[in-house]
Amino acid sequence: MNKKAIDTFFVYLQSQETAQVFLHNCYKQLNDVDAEKKSFENSGKFLYYLEEGGLFFSEAEKVDIRLRPILYFYGLVHMLKACLVTNRPDYPESTSILAHGVSARKRKRKDYSFLLDEVKIQQNGLFTYSSKHLFHLSNSPFTKIQMDILFGVVPEMNDFYVCQQQPKCISIGNLGLTTLYFPSTLLDSYYLTEKSFINRIRPYLPSIESVEKTNDVIEVHVKKPLVPANGPFYLHLDRNEIYFPIEREYFLKAPEVLIHYLLLYNLSMVSRYETEYWGELFSTKYDFDYASIHYYLTNVADKARYLLGNWLLDKKQSH
């Protein structure tokens, strides 16, 4: 879906009436829910989640880049909650799901690097709850993960890594087409035969009609265009291309929205509590951490709003 359509849909939802109509249509798809009653009760909540989320994102563009992680993170959180209200009329059902659902390790060593830092997924909280109720993941795709892996699967970050001659992912085709092109060199980096590689990616693709190998490229023809909502396939927003990880360690099954949730959570924690590191990072610009973080923070807002808006618009079109 193009960005203009999503922006238009966000504007459409900015009234109590249209929000209620949208929720009513969502709730009609659920069992044992009084759609009329719950849509009336939740329309204000839904509307305010969207408004607050949009406000956090728009205000972040006006402040110093060092303050943006906090505003971006809470913008993402509010929009995630708006999405949850469409599926879970009684959200939040308990206080246990109000926590972030992620923890960051203590940072006391002097050689700290954000790229080598990691976050751990907790059993309860917004991350796990969203994984289950928005993206149908019964289990978290990982229990802990490093920041450099998360950066590496974001397609827009790949433009940055190409400058370093260290791309993390590669374009395998244009959005909307039914042929995907995988370089055969991926077989070496994944330590798989062609047959095993196809079996590895098959669960994440529409039905495969045929596979051909020509000129060191594996052509995979699928029955209908791939919609890259979840890993390991992600959409490059500016190029309208589908990206796939070059190395097997970057082969993640997480929706990209949750990738940004983890990155922004940890960046917001660092910016709030690791004052010395954060201050030196932006004043001295001394290492690759700075370049990576700066580039990410100048690109994440459009992508996060697109992903969440696209989720909502898909919800509307499925009615």
C-alpha atoms as a PDB file:
ATOM      1  CA  MET A   1       0.000   0.000   0.000  1.00  0.00           C
ATOM      2  CA  ASN A   2       1.394   3.440  -0.861  1.00  0.00           C
ATOM      3  CA  LYS A   3       2.150   6.064   1.778  1.00  0.00           C
ATOM      4  CA  LYS A   4      -0.468   8.493   0.511  1.00  0.00           C
ATOM      5  CA  ALA A   5      -3.268   5.968   0.987  1.00  0.00           C
ATOM      6  CA  ILE A   6      -2.101   5.317   4.532  1.00  0.00           C
ATOM      7  CA  ASP A   7      -1.849   9.025   5.362  1.00  0.00           C
ATOM      8  CA  THR A   8      -5.368   9.474   4.009  1.00  0.00           C
ATOM      9  CA  PHE A   9      -6.647   6.626   6.158  1.00  0.00           C
ATOM     10  CA  PHE A  10      -5.079   8.125   9.287  1.00  0.00           C
ATOM     11  CA  VAL A  11      -6.934  11.379   8.546  1.00  0.00           C
ATOM     12  CA  TYR A  12     -10.166   9.444   7.934  1.00  0.00           C
ATOM     13  CA  LEU A  13      -9.932   7.873  11.400  1.00  0.00           C
ATOM     14  CA  GLN A  14      -9.567  11.224  13.158  1.00  0.00           C
ATOM     15  CA  SER A  15     -13.183  11.566  14.217  1.00  0.00           C
ATOM     16  CA  GLN A  16     -15.228   9.715  16.807  1.00  0.00           C
ATOM     17  CA  GLU A  17     -17.794   8.708  14.190  1.00  0.00           C
ATOM     18  CA  THR A  18     -15.374   7.211  11.673  1.00  0.00           C
ATOM     19  CA  ALA A  19     -13.382   5.537  14.447  1.00  0.00           C
ATOM     20  CA  GLN A  20     -16.563   3.923  15.761  1.00  0.00           C
ATOM     21  CA  VAL A  21     -17.612   2.707  12.299  1.00  0.00           C
ATOM     22  CA  PHE A  22     -14.157   1.196  11.787  1.00  0.00           C
ATOM     23  CA  LEU A  23     -14.192  -0.547  15.174  1.00  0.00           C
ATOM     24  CA  HIS A  24     -17.758  -1.773  14.637  1.00  0.00           C
ATOM     25  CA  ASN A  25     -16.655  -3.495  11.433  1.00  0.00           C
ATOM     26  CA  CYS A  26     -13.644  -4.980  13.248  1.00  0.00           C
ATOM     27  CA  TYR A  27     -15.743  -6.317  16.120  1.00  0.00           C
ATOM     28  CA  LYS A  28     -18.329  -7.899  13.838  1.00  0.00           C
ATOM     29  CA  GLN A  29     -15.601 -10.344  12.841  1.00  0.00           C
ATOM     30  CA  LEU A  30     -15.087 -11.465  16.455  1.00  0.00           C
ATOM     31  CA  ASN A  31     -17.076 -14.090  18.339  1.00  0.00           C
ATOM     32  CA  ASP A  32     -19.161 -13.235  21.404  1.00  0.00           C
ATOM     33  CA  VAL A  33     -18.643  -9.480  21.107  1.00  0.00           C
ATOM     34  CA  ASP A  34     -21.409  -6.881  21.137  1.00  0.00           C
ATOM     35  CA  ALA A  35     -19.996  -4.868  18.228  1.00  0.00           C
ATOM     36  CA  GLU A  36     -22.380  -1.943  18.694  1.00  0.00           C
ATOM     37  CA  LYS A  37     -21.684  -1.553  22.397  1.00  0.00           C
ATOM     38  CA  LYS A  38     -17.922  -2.126  22.342  1.00  0.00           C
ATOM     39  CA  SER A  39     -17.296   0.097  19.333  1.00  0.00           C
ATOM     40  CA  PHE A  40     -19.148   2.908  21.115  1.00  0.00           C
ATOM     41  CA  GLU A  41     -17.156   2.342  24.312  1.00  0.00           C
ATOM     42  CA  ASN A  42     -13.768   2.074  22.594  1.00  0.00           C
ATOM     43  CA  SER A  43     -13.959   4.681  19.857  1.00  0.00           C
ATOM     44  CA  GLY A  44     -12.596   7.430  22.089  1.00  0.00           C
ATOM     45  CA  LYS A  45      -9.777   5.250  23.388  1.00  0.00           C
ATOM     46  CA  PHE A  46      -8.848   4.156  19.874  1.00  0.00           C
ATOM     47  CA  LEU A  47      -8.939   7.724  18.582  1.00  0.00           C
ATOM     48  CA  TYR A  48      -6.766   9.060  21.401  1.00  0.00           C
ATOM     49  CA  TYR A  49      -4.190   6.282  21.006  1.00  0.00           C
ATOM     50  CA  LEU A  50      -3.816   7.242  17.349  1.00  0.00           C
ATOM     51  CA  GLU A  51      -3.717  10.957  18.085  1.00  0.00           C
ATOM     52  CA  GLU A  52      -1.164  10.615  20.873  1.00  0.00           C
ATOM     53  CA  GLY A  53       0.981   8.308  18.755  1.00  0.00           C
ATOM     54  CA  GLY A  54       0.927  10.718  15.840  1.00  0.00           C
ATOM     55  CA  LEU A  55       1.705  13.627  18.147  1.00  0.00           C
ATOM     56  CA  PHE A  56       4.747  11.874  19.602  1.00  0.00           C
ATOM     57  CA  PHE A  57       6.058  11.208  16.096  1.00  0.00           C
ATOM     58  CA  SER A  58       5.428  14.720  14.788  1.00  0.00           C
ATOM     59  CA  GLU A  59       6.903  16.433  17.859  1.00  0.00           C
ATOM     60  CA  ALA A  60       9.998  14.227  17.640  1.00  0.00           C
ATOM     61  CA  GLU A  61      10.813  15.784  14.274  1.00  0.00           C
ATOM     62  CA  LYS A  62      11.061  19.198  15.937  1.00  0.00           C
ATOM     63  CA  VAL A  63      13.494  18.366  18.747  1.00  0.00           C
ATOM     64  CA  ASP A  64      17.194  17.603  18.941  1.00  0.00           C
ATOM     65  CA  ILE A  65      17.935  14.131  17.588  1.00  0.00           C
ATOM     66  CA  ARG A  66      19.233  13.053  21.011  1.00  0.00           C
ATOM     67  CA  LEU A  67      15.693  13.308  22.407  1.00  0.00           C
ATOM     68  CA  ARG A  68      13.929  11.496  19.594  1.00  0.00           C
ATOM     69  CA  PRO A  69      14.224   7.874  20.809  1.00  0.00           C
ATOM     70  CA  ILE A  70      11.909   8.533  23.763  1.00  0.00           C
ATOM     71  CA  LEU A  71       9.269  10.273  21.644  1.00  0.00           C
ATOM     72  CA  TYR A  72       9.485   7.729  18.821  1.00  0.00           C
ATOM     73  CA  PHE A  73       9.202   4.809  21.239  1.00  0.00           C
ATOM     74  CA  TYR A  74       6.069   6.134  22.922  1.00  0.00           C
ATOM     75  CA  GLY A  75       4.613   7.094  19.559  1.00  0.00           C
ATOM     76  CA  LEU A  76       5.055   3.490  18.470  1.00  0.00           C
ATOM     77  CA  VAL A  77       3.614   2.185  21.746  1.00  0.00           C
ATOM     78  CA  HIS A  78       0.450   4.288  21.436  1.00  0.00           C
ATOM     79  CA  MET A  79      -0.122   3.243  17.829  1.00  0.00           C
ATOM     80  CA  LEU A  80       0.403  -0.404  18.746  1.00  0.00           C
ATOM     81  CA  LYS A  81      -2.259  -0.018  21.413  1.00  0.00           C
ATOM     82  CA  ALA A  82      -4.634   1.456  18.840  1.00  0.00           C
ATOM     83  CA  CYS A  83      -4.088  -1.638  16.689  1.00  0.00           C
ATOM     84  CA  LEU A  84      -4.688  -3.898  19.681  1.00  0.00           C
ATOM     85  CA  VAL A  85      -8.046  -2.257  20.439  1.00  0.00           C
ATOM     86  CA  THR A  86      -9.267  -3.395  17.011  1.00  0.00           C
ATOM     87  CA  ASN A  87      -8.605  -7.047  17.942  1.00  0.00           C
ATOM     88  CA  ARG A  88      -9.054  -6.971  21.711  1.00  0.00           C
ATOM     89  CA  PRO A  89     -12.199  -5.045  22.712  1.00  0.00           C
ATOM     90  CA  ASP A  90     -11.370  -5.378  26.431  1.00  0.00           C
ATOM     91  CA  TYR A  91      -7.723  -4.299  26.172  1.00  0.00           C
ATOM     92  CA  PRO A  92      -6.023  -4.013  28.600  1.00  0.00           C
ATOM     93  CA  GLU A  93      -7.407  -7.074  30.343  1.00  0.00           C
ATOM     94  CA  SER A  94      -4.834  -6.991  33.164  1.00  0.00           C
ATOM     95  CA  THR A  95      -2.015  -4.851  34.514  1.00  0.00           C
ATOM     96  CA  SER A  96       0.586  -7.480  33.569  1.00  0.00           C
ATOM     97  CA  ILE A  97       0.286  -6.586  29.887  1.00  0.00           C
ATOM     98  CA  LEU A  98       0.887  -2.879  30.499  1.00  0.00           C
ATOM     99  CA  ALA A  99       4.636  -3.349  30.991  1.00  0.00           C
ATOM    100  CA  HIS A 100       6.934  -2.963  28.004  1.00  0.00           C
ATOM    101  CA  GLY A 101       7.731  -6.672  28.020  1.00  0.00           C
ATOM    102  CA  VAL A 102      11.422  -6.120  27.305  1.00  0.00           C
ATOM    103  CA  SER A 103      14.440  -5.636  29.533  1.00  0.00           C
ATOM    104  CA  ALA A 104      17.852  -4.134  28.831  1.00  0.00           C
ATOM    105  CA  ARG A 105      20.991  -5.301  30.579  1.00  0.00           C
ATOM    106  CA  LYS A 106      22.900  -3.064  32.965  1.00  0.00           C
ATOM    107  CA  ARG A 107      25.707  -1.112  31.354  1.00  0.00           C
ATOM    108  CA  LYS A 108      28.652  -0.399  33.614  1.00  0.00           C
ATOM    109  CA  ARG A 109      31.609  -1.359  31.477  1.00  0.00           C
ATOM    110  CA  LYS A 110      33.653   1.328  29.806  1.00  0.00           C
ATOM    111  CA  ASP A 111      33.835  -0.384  26.421  1.00  0.00           C
ATOM    112  CA  TYR A 112      30.065  -0.380  25.944  1.00  0.00           C
ATOM    113  CA  SER A 113      28.796  -0.472  22.355  1.00  0.00           C
ATOM    114  CA  PHE A 114      25.140  -0.060  21.489  1.00  0.00           C
ATOM    115  CA  LEU A 115      25.503  -2.310  18.454  1.00  0.00           C
ATOM    116  CA  LEU A 116      26.712  -5.168  20.662  1.00  0.00           C
ATOM    117  CA  ASP A 117      24.099  -4.542  23.325  1.00  0.00           C
ATOM    118  CA  GLU A 118      21.101  -6.834  23.603  1.00  0.00           C
ATOM    119  CA  VAL A 119      17.568  -6.879  24.930  1.00  0.00           C
ATOM    120  CA  LYS A 120      15.688  -9.756  26.500  1.00  0.00           C
ATOM    121  CA  ILE A 121      12.052 -10.593  25.902  1.00  0.00           C
ATOM    122  CA  GLN A 122       9.908 -11.029  28.999  1.00  0.00           C
ATOM    123  CA  GLN A 123       7.036 -13.443  29.348  1.00  0.00           C
ATOM    124  CA  ASN A 124       4.427 -10.732  29.867  1.00  0.00           C
ATOM    125  CA  GLY A 125       4.029  -7.223  28.527  1.00  0.00           C
ATOM    126  CA  LEU A 126       3.209  -5.276  25.406  1.00  0.00           C
ATOM    127  CA  PHE A 127       5.840  -6.903  23.186  1.00  0.00           C
ATOM    128  CA  THR A 128       4.643 -10.472  23.754  1.00  0.00           C
ATOM    129  CA  TYR A 129       0.986  -9.446  23.815  1.00  0.00           C
ATOM    130  CA  SER A 130       1.345  -7.642  20.470  1.00  0.00           C
ATOM    131  CA  SER A 131       3.251 -10.581  18.989  1.00  0.00           C
ATOM    132  CA  LYS A 132       0.343 -12.853  19.819  1.00  0.00           C
ATOM    133  CA  HIS A 133      -2.685 -10.686  19.120  1.00  0.00           C
ATOM    134  CA  LEU A 134      -1.484  -8.592  16.185  1.00  0.00           C
ATOM    135  CA  PHE A 135       0.859 -10.982  14.407  1.00  0.00           C
ATOM    136  CA  HIS A 136      -0.367 -14.424  15.522  1.00  0.00           C
ATOM    137  CA  LEU A 137       2.963 -15.522  16.990  1.00  0.00           C
ATOM    138  CA  SER A 138       2.356 -18.031  19.774  1.00  0.00           C
ATOM    139  CA  ASN A 139       5.954 -17.671  20.917  1.00  0.00           C
ATOM    140  CA  SER A 140       8.453 -14.853  20.670  1.00  0.00           C
ATOM    141  CA  PRO A 141      10.780 -15.352  17.670  1.00  0.00           C
ATOM    142  CA  PHE A 142      13.758 -15.042  20.057  1.00  0.00           C
ATOM    143  CA  THR A 143      14.455 -14.707  23.771  1.00  0.00           C
ATOM    144  CA  LYS A 144      17.238 -12.147  23.417  1.00  0.00           C
ATOM    145  CA  ILE A 145      18.833 -10.362  20.494  1.00  0.00           C
ATOM    146  CA  GLN A 146      21.646  -7.940  19.679  1.00  0.00           C
ATOM    147  CA  MET A 147      21.090  -4.482  18.275  1.00  0.00           C
ATOM    148  CA  ASP A 148      23.345  -5.013  15.249  1.00  0.00           C
ATOM    149  CA  ILE A 149      21.127  -7.910  14.152  1.00  0.00           C
ATOM    150  CA  LEU A 150      18.022  -5.761  14.470  1.00  0.00           C
ATOM    151  CA  PHE A 151      19.614  -2.901  12.537  1.00  0.00           C
ATOM    152  CA  GLY A 152      20.748  -5.364   9.890  1.00  0.00           C
ATOM    153  CA  VAL A 153      17.274  -6.561   8.936  1.00  0.00           C
ATOM    154  CA  VAL A 154      15.799  -3.079   8.425  1.00  0.00           C
ATOM    155  CA  PRO A 155      15.967  -2.573   4.629  1.00  0.00           C
ATOM    156  CA  GLU A 156      16.484   1.194   4.812  1.00  0.00           C
ATOM    157  CA  MET A 157      19.538   0.611   7.015  1.00  0.00           C
ATOM    158  CA  ASN A 158      21.024  -1.492   4.242  1.00  0.00           C
ATOM    159  CA  ASP A 159      21.638   1.661   2.171  1.00  0.00           C
ATOM    160  CA  PHE A 160      23.840   2.785   5.043  1.00  0.00           C
ATOM    161  CA  TYR A 161      25.692  -0.533   5.308  1.00  0.00           C
ATOM    162  CA  VAL A 162      26.340  -0.542   1.561  1.00  0.00           C
ATOM    163  CA  CYS A 163      28.434   2.602   2.101  1.00  0.00           C
ATOM    164  CA  GLN A 164      30.610   0.485   4.380  1.00  0.00           C
ATOM    165  CA  GLN A 165      30.636  -2.306   1.775  1.00  0.00           C
ATOM    166  CA  GLN A 166      28.973  -4.595   4.301  1.00  0.00           C
ATOM    167  CA  PRO A 167      25.367  -5.087   3.151  1.00  0.00           C
ATOM    168  CA  LYS A 168      23.247  -7.173   5.495  1.00  0.00           C
ATOM    169  CA  CYS A 169      20.361  -7.882   3.142  1.00  0.00           C
ATOM    170  CA  ILE A 170      19.620  -7.838  -0.553  1.00  0.00           C
ATOM    171  CA  SER A 171      16.743  -6.948  -2.849  1.00  0.00           C
ATOM    172  CA  ILE A 172      15.073 -10.053  -4.265  1.00  0.00           C
ATOM    173  CA  GLY A 173      12.324  -8.397  -6.295  1.00  0.00           C
ATOM    174  CA  ASN A 174       9.781  -5.631  -6.562  1.00  0.00           C
ATOM    175  CA  LEU A 175       6.663  -5.486  -4.438  1.00  0.00           C
ATOM    176  CA  GLY A 176       3.593  -6.691  -6.299  1.00  0.00           C
ATOM    177  CA  LEU A 177       5.387  -9.148  -8.623  1.00  0.00           C
ATOM    178  CA  THR A 178       5.277 -12.930  -8.477  1.00  0.00           C
ATOM    179  CA  THR A 179       8.924 -13.749  -9.198  1.00  0.00           C
ATOM    180  CA  LEU A 180      11.636 -13.514  -6.551  1.00  0.00           C
ATOM    181  CA  TYR A 181      15.341 -13.639  -7.389  1.00  0.00           C
ATOM    182  CA  PHE A 182      17.726 -15.177  -4.854  1.00  0.00           C
ATOM    183  CA  PRO A 183      21.486 -15.114  -5.641  1.00  0.00           C
ATOM    184  CA  SER A 184      22.845 -18.660  -5.470  1.00  0.00           C
ATOM    185  CA  THR A 185      25.640 -17.362  -3.221  1.00  0.00           C
ATOM    186  CA  LEU A 186      23.045 -17.379  -0.447  1.00  0.00           C
ATOM    187  CA  LEU A 187      23.319 -21.174  -0.408  1.00  0.00           C
ATOM    188  CA  ASP A 188      26.882 -20.850   0.876  1.00  0.00           C
ATOM    189  CA  SER A 189      26.084 -18.253   3.536  1.00  0.00           C
ATOM    190  CA  TYR A 190      23.118 -20.311   4.739  1.00  0.00           C
ATOM    191  CA  TYR A 191      25.011 -23.640   4.490  1.00  0.00           C
ATOM    192  CA  LEU A 192      22.120 -25.174   2.597  1.00  0.00           C
ATOM    193  CA  THR A 193      21.491 -27.004  -0.639  1.00  0.00           C
ATOM    194  CA  GLU A 194      19.072 -25.443  -3.099  1.00  0.00           C
ATOM    195  CA  LYS A 195      16.309 -27.821  -2.034  1.00  0.00           C
ATOM    196  CA  SER A 196      16.914 -27.165   1.659  1.00  0.00           C
ATOM    197  CA  PHE A 197      16.992 -23.414   1.073  1.00  0.00           C
ATOM    198  CA  ILE A 198      13.643 -23.490  -0.711  1.00  0.00           C
ATOM    199  CA  ASN A 199      12.201 -25.553   2.124  1.00  0.00           C
ATOM    200  CA  ARG A 200      13.572 -22.992   4.583  1.00  0.00           C
ATOM    201  CA  ILE A 201      11.793 -20.047   2.957  1.00  0.00           C
ATOM    202  CA  ARG A 202       8.650 -21.871   1.795  1.00  0.00           C
ATOM    203  CA  PRO A 203       6.614 -21.293   5.010  1.00  0.00           C
ATOM    204  CA  TYR A 204       6.996 -17.523   4.601  1.00  0.00           C
ATOM    205  CA  LEU A 205       5.937 -17.331   0.958  1.00  0.00           C
ATOM    206  CA  PRO A 206       2.677 -17.709  -0.960  1.00  0.00           C
ATOM    207  CA  SER A 207       2.327 -21.060  -2.731  1.00  0.00           C
ATOM    208  CA  ILE A 208       5.377 -21.738  -4.888  1.00  0.00           C
ATOM    209  CA  GLU A 209       4.507 -22.645  -8.466  1.00  0.00           C
ATOM    210  CA  SER A 210       8.014 -23.344  -9.770  1.00  0.00           C
ATOM    211  CA  VAL A 211      11.723 -22.876  -9.071  1.00  0.00           C
ATOM    212  CA  GLU A 212      14.344 -22.257 -11.747  1.00  0.00           C
ATOM    213  CA  LYS A 213      18.076 -21.718 -11.520  1.00  0.00           C
ATOM    214  CA  THR A 214      19.627 -19.512 -14.185  1.00  0.00           C
ATOM    215  CA  ASN A 215      22.885 -17.537 -14.270  1.00  0.00           C
ATOM    216  CA  ASP A 216      23.664 -18.064 -10.602  1.00  0.00           C
ATOM    217  CA  VAL A 217      20.199 -16.906  -9.587  1.00  0.00           C
ATOM    218  CA  ILE A 218      17.431 -19.007  -8.080  1.00  0.00           C
ATOM    219  CA  GLU A 219      14.125 -17.792  -9.471  1.00  0.00           C
ATOM    220  CA  VAL A 220      11.150 -18.569  -7.281  1.00  0.00           C
ATOM    221  CA  HIS A 221       7.759 -18.130  -8.942  1.00  0.00           C
ATOM    222  CA  VAL A 222       4.905 -17.746  -6.469  1.00  0.00           C
ATOM    223  CA  LYS A 223       1.171 -17.954  -7.045  1.00  0.00           C
ATOM    224  CA  LYS A 224       0.468 -14.418  -5.814  1.00  0.00           C
ATOM    225  CA  PRO A 225       2.618 -11.432  -4.835  1.00  0.00           C
ATOM    226  CA  LEU A 226       4.395 -11.637  -1.506  1.00  0.00           C
ATOM    227  CA  VAL A 227       3.183  -9.205   1.146  1.00  0.00           C
ATOM    228  CA  PRO A 228       6.254  -8.738   3.354  1.00  0.00           C
ATOM    229  CA  ALA A 229       4.574  -8.190   6.716  1.00  0.00           C
ATOM    230  CA  ASN A 230       6.787 -10.552   8.707  1.00  0.00           C
ATOM    231  CA  GLY A 231      10.384 -11.672   8.593  1.00  0.00           C
ATOM    232  CA  PRO A 232      12.504 -12.877   6.971  1.00  0.00           C
ATOM    233  CA  PHE A 233      11.095 -10.699   4.150  1.00  0.00           C
ATOM    234  CA  TYR A 234      10.925  -6.941   4.683  1.00  0.00           C
ATOM    235  CA  LEU A 235       9.854  -4.016   2.523  1.00  0.00           C
ATOM    236  CA  HIS A 236      12.184  -1.157   1.561  1.00  0.00           C
ATOM    237  CA  LEU A 237       9.735   1.714   1.658  1.00  0.00           C
ATOM    238  CA  ASP A 238      11.531   4.125  -0.694  1.00  0.00           C
ATOM    239  CA  ARG A 239      12.507   1.521  -3.275  1.00  0.00           C
ATOM    240  CA  ASN A 240       9.297  -0.537  -3.072  1.00  0.00           C
ATOM    241  CA  GLU A 241      11.458  -3.653  -3.085  1.00  0.00           C
ATOM    242  CA  ILE A 242      11.481  -6.790  -0.944  1.00  0.00           C
ATOM    243  CA  TYR A 243      14.672  -7.453   0.994  1.00  0.00           C
ATOM    244  CA  PHE A 244      16.050 -10.728   2.327  1.00  0.00           C
ATOM    245  CA  PRO A 245      18.982 -11.304   4.744  1.00  0.00           C
ATOM    246  CA  ILE A 246      22.328 -12.319   3.261  1.00  0.00           C
ATOM    247  CA  GLU A 247      23.542 -14.187   6.351  1.00  0.00           C
ATOM    248  CA  ARG A 248      21.587 -16.832   8.230  1.00  0.00           C
ATOM    249  CA  GLU A 249      22.018 -15.087  11.608  1.00  0.00           C
ATOM    250  CA  TYR A 250      19.828 -12.260  10.268  1.00  0.00           C
ATOM    251  CA  PHE A 251      17.046 -14.673   9.287  1.00  0.00           C
ATOM    252  CA  LEU A 252      14.386 -13.501  11.737  1.00  0.00           C
ATOM    253  CA  LYS A 253      10.704 -14.364  11.897  1.00  0.00           C
ATOM    254  CA  ALA A 254       9.662 -11.150  13.612  1.00  0.00           C
ATOM    255  CA  PRO A 255       7.349  -8.530  12.078  1.00  0.00           C
ATOM    256  CA  GLU A 256       9.277  -5.355  11.303  1.00  0.00           C
ATOM    257  CA  VAL A 257       7.057  -3.299  13.617  1.00  0.00           C
ATOM    258  CA  LEU A 258       8.414  -5.324  16.546  1.00  0.00           C
ATOM    259  CA  ILE A 259      11.980  -4.891  15.293  1.00  0.00           C
ATOM    260  CA  HIS A 260      11.503  -1.137  15.620  1.00  0.00           C
ATOM    261  CA  TYR A 261       9.845  -1.596  19.008  1.00  0.00           C
ATOM    262  CA  LEU A 262      12.986  -3.283  20.355  1.00  0.00           C
ATOM    263  CA  LEU A 263      15.397  -0.805  18.773  1.00  0.00           C
ATOM    264  CA  LEU A 264      13.485   2.242  19.988  1.00  0.00           C
ATOM    265  CA  TYR A 265      12.981   0.741  23.441  1.00  0.00           C
ATOM    266  CA  ASN A 266      16.698   0.242  23.925  1.00  0.00           C
ATOM    267  CA  LEU A 267      17.636   3.578  22.382  1.00  0.00           C
ATOM    268  CA  SER A 268      15.155   5.324  24.681  1.00  0.00           C
ATOM    269  CA  MET A 269      16.625   3.518  27.709  1.00  0.00           C
ATOM    270  CA  VAL A 270      20.176   4.446  26.731  1.00  0.00           C
ATOM    271  CA  SER A 271      19.263   8.070  26.088  1.00  0.00           C
ATOM    272  CA  ARG A 272      17.560   8.326  29.492  1.00  0.00           C
ATOM    273  CA  TYR A 273      19.883   6.380  31.754  1.00  0.00           C
ATOM    274  CA  GLU A 274      23.306   6.231  30.075  1.00  0.00           C
ATOM    275  CA  THR A 275      23.819   9.971  30.056  1.00  0.00           C
ATOM    276  CA  GLU A 276      27.604   9.931  29.788  1.00  0.00           C
ATOM    277  CA  TYR A 277      27.671   7.470  26.896  1.00  0.00           C
ATOM    278  CA  TRP A 278      24.823   9.241  25.075  1.00  0.00           C
ATOM    279  CA  GLY A 279      26.352  12.675  25.532  1.00  0.00           C
ATOM    280  CA  GLU A 280      29.810  11.610  24.372  1.00  0.00           C
ATOM    281  CA  LEU A 281      28.340   9.711  21.432  1.00  0.00           C
ATOM    282  CA  PHE A 282      26.729  12.825  19.971  1.00  0.00           C
ATOM    283  CA  SER A 283      29.399  15.323  20.955  1.00  0.00           C
ATOM    284  CA  THR A 284      32.446  13.375  19.742  1.00  0.00           C
ATOM    285  CA  LYS A 285      30.803  11.257  16.993  1.00  0.00           C
ATOM    286  CA  TYR A 286      33.676   8.899  17.636  1.00  0.00           C
ATOM    287  CA  ASP A 287      32.611   5.522  16.288  1.00  0.00           C
ATOM    288  CA  PHE A 288      30.254   3.490  14.121  1.00  0.00           C
ATOM    289  CA  ASP A 289      27.637   3.462  16.877  1.00  0.00           C
ATOM    290  CA  TYR A 290      27.020   7.162  16.264  1.00  0.00           C
ATOM    291  CA  ALA A 291      26.701   6.849  12.495  1.00  0.00           C
ATOM    292  CA  SER A 292      24.320   3.877  12.752  1.00  0.00           C
ATOM    293  CA  ILE A 293      22.096   5.440  15.408  1.00  0.00           C
ATOM    294  CA  HIS A 294      21.991   8.830  13.697  1.00  0.00           C
ATOM    295  CA  TYR A 295      21.040   7.295  10.351  1.00  0.00           C
ATOM    296  CA  TYR A 296      18.366   5.112  11.950  1.00  0.00           C
ATOM    297  CA  LEU A 297      16.795   7.999  13.855  1.00  0.00           C
ATOM    298  CA  THR A 298      16.503  10.068  10.680  1.00  0.00           C
ATOM    299  CA  ASN A 299      14.620   7.291   8.886  1.00  0.00           C
ATOM    300  CA  VAL A 300      12.536   5.352  11.408  1.00  0.00           C
ATOM    301  CA  ALA A 301       9.529   7.684  11.756  1.00  0.00           C
ATOM    302  CA  ASP A 302       8.195   7.274   8.211  1.00  0.00           C
ATOM    303  CA  LYS A 303       8.724   3.514   8.272  1.00  0.00           C
ATOM    304  CA  ALA A 304       7.089   2.909  11.655  1.00  0.00           C
ATOM    305  CA  ARG A 305       4.019   5.002  10.793  1.00  0.00           C
ATOM    306  CA  TYR A 306       3.764   3.244   7.427  1.00  0.00           C
ATOM    307  CA  LEU A 307       3.918  -0.237   8.958  1.00  0.00           C
ATOM    308  CA  LEU A 308       1.274   0.501  11.563  1.00  0.00           C
ATOM    309  CA  GLY A 309      -0.955   2.384   9.129  1.00  0.00           C
ATOM    310  CA  ASN A 310      -0.660  -0.456   6.655  1.00  0.00           C
ATOM    311  CA  TRP A 311      -1.702  -2.923   9.363  1.00  0.00           C
ATOM    312  CA  LEU A 312      -4.813  -0.867  10.095  1.00  0.00           C
ATOM    313  CA  LEU A 313      -5.666  -0.419   6.424  1.00  0.00           C
ATOM    314  CA  ASP A 314      -5.285  -4.148   5.804  1.00  0.00           C
ATOM    315  CA  LYS A 315      -7.673  -4.657   8.708  1.00  0.00           C
ATOM    316  CA  LYS A 316     -10.237  -2.393   7.058  1.00  0.00           C
ATOM    317  CA  GLN A 317      -9.918  -4.101   3.683  1.00  0.00           C
ATOM    318  CA  SER A 318     -10.361  -7.542   5.216  1.00  0.00           C
ATOM    319  CA  HIS A 319     -13.880  -6.701   6.443  1.00  0.00           C
END
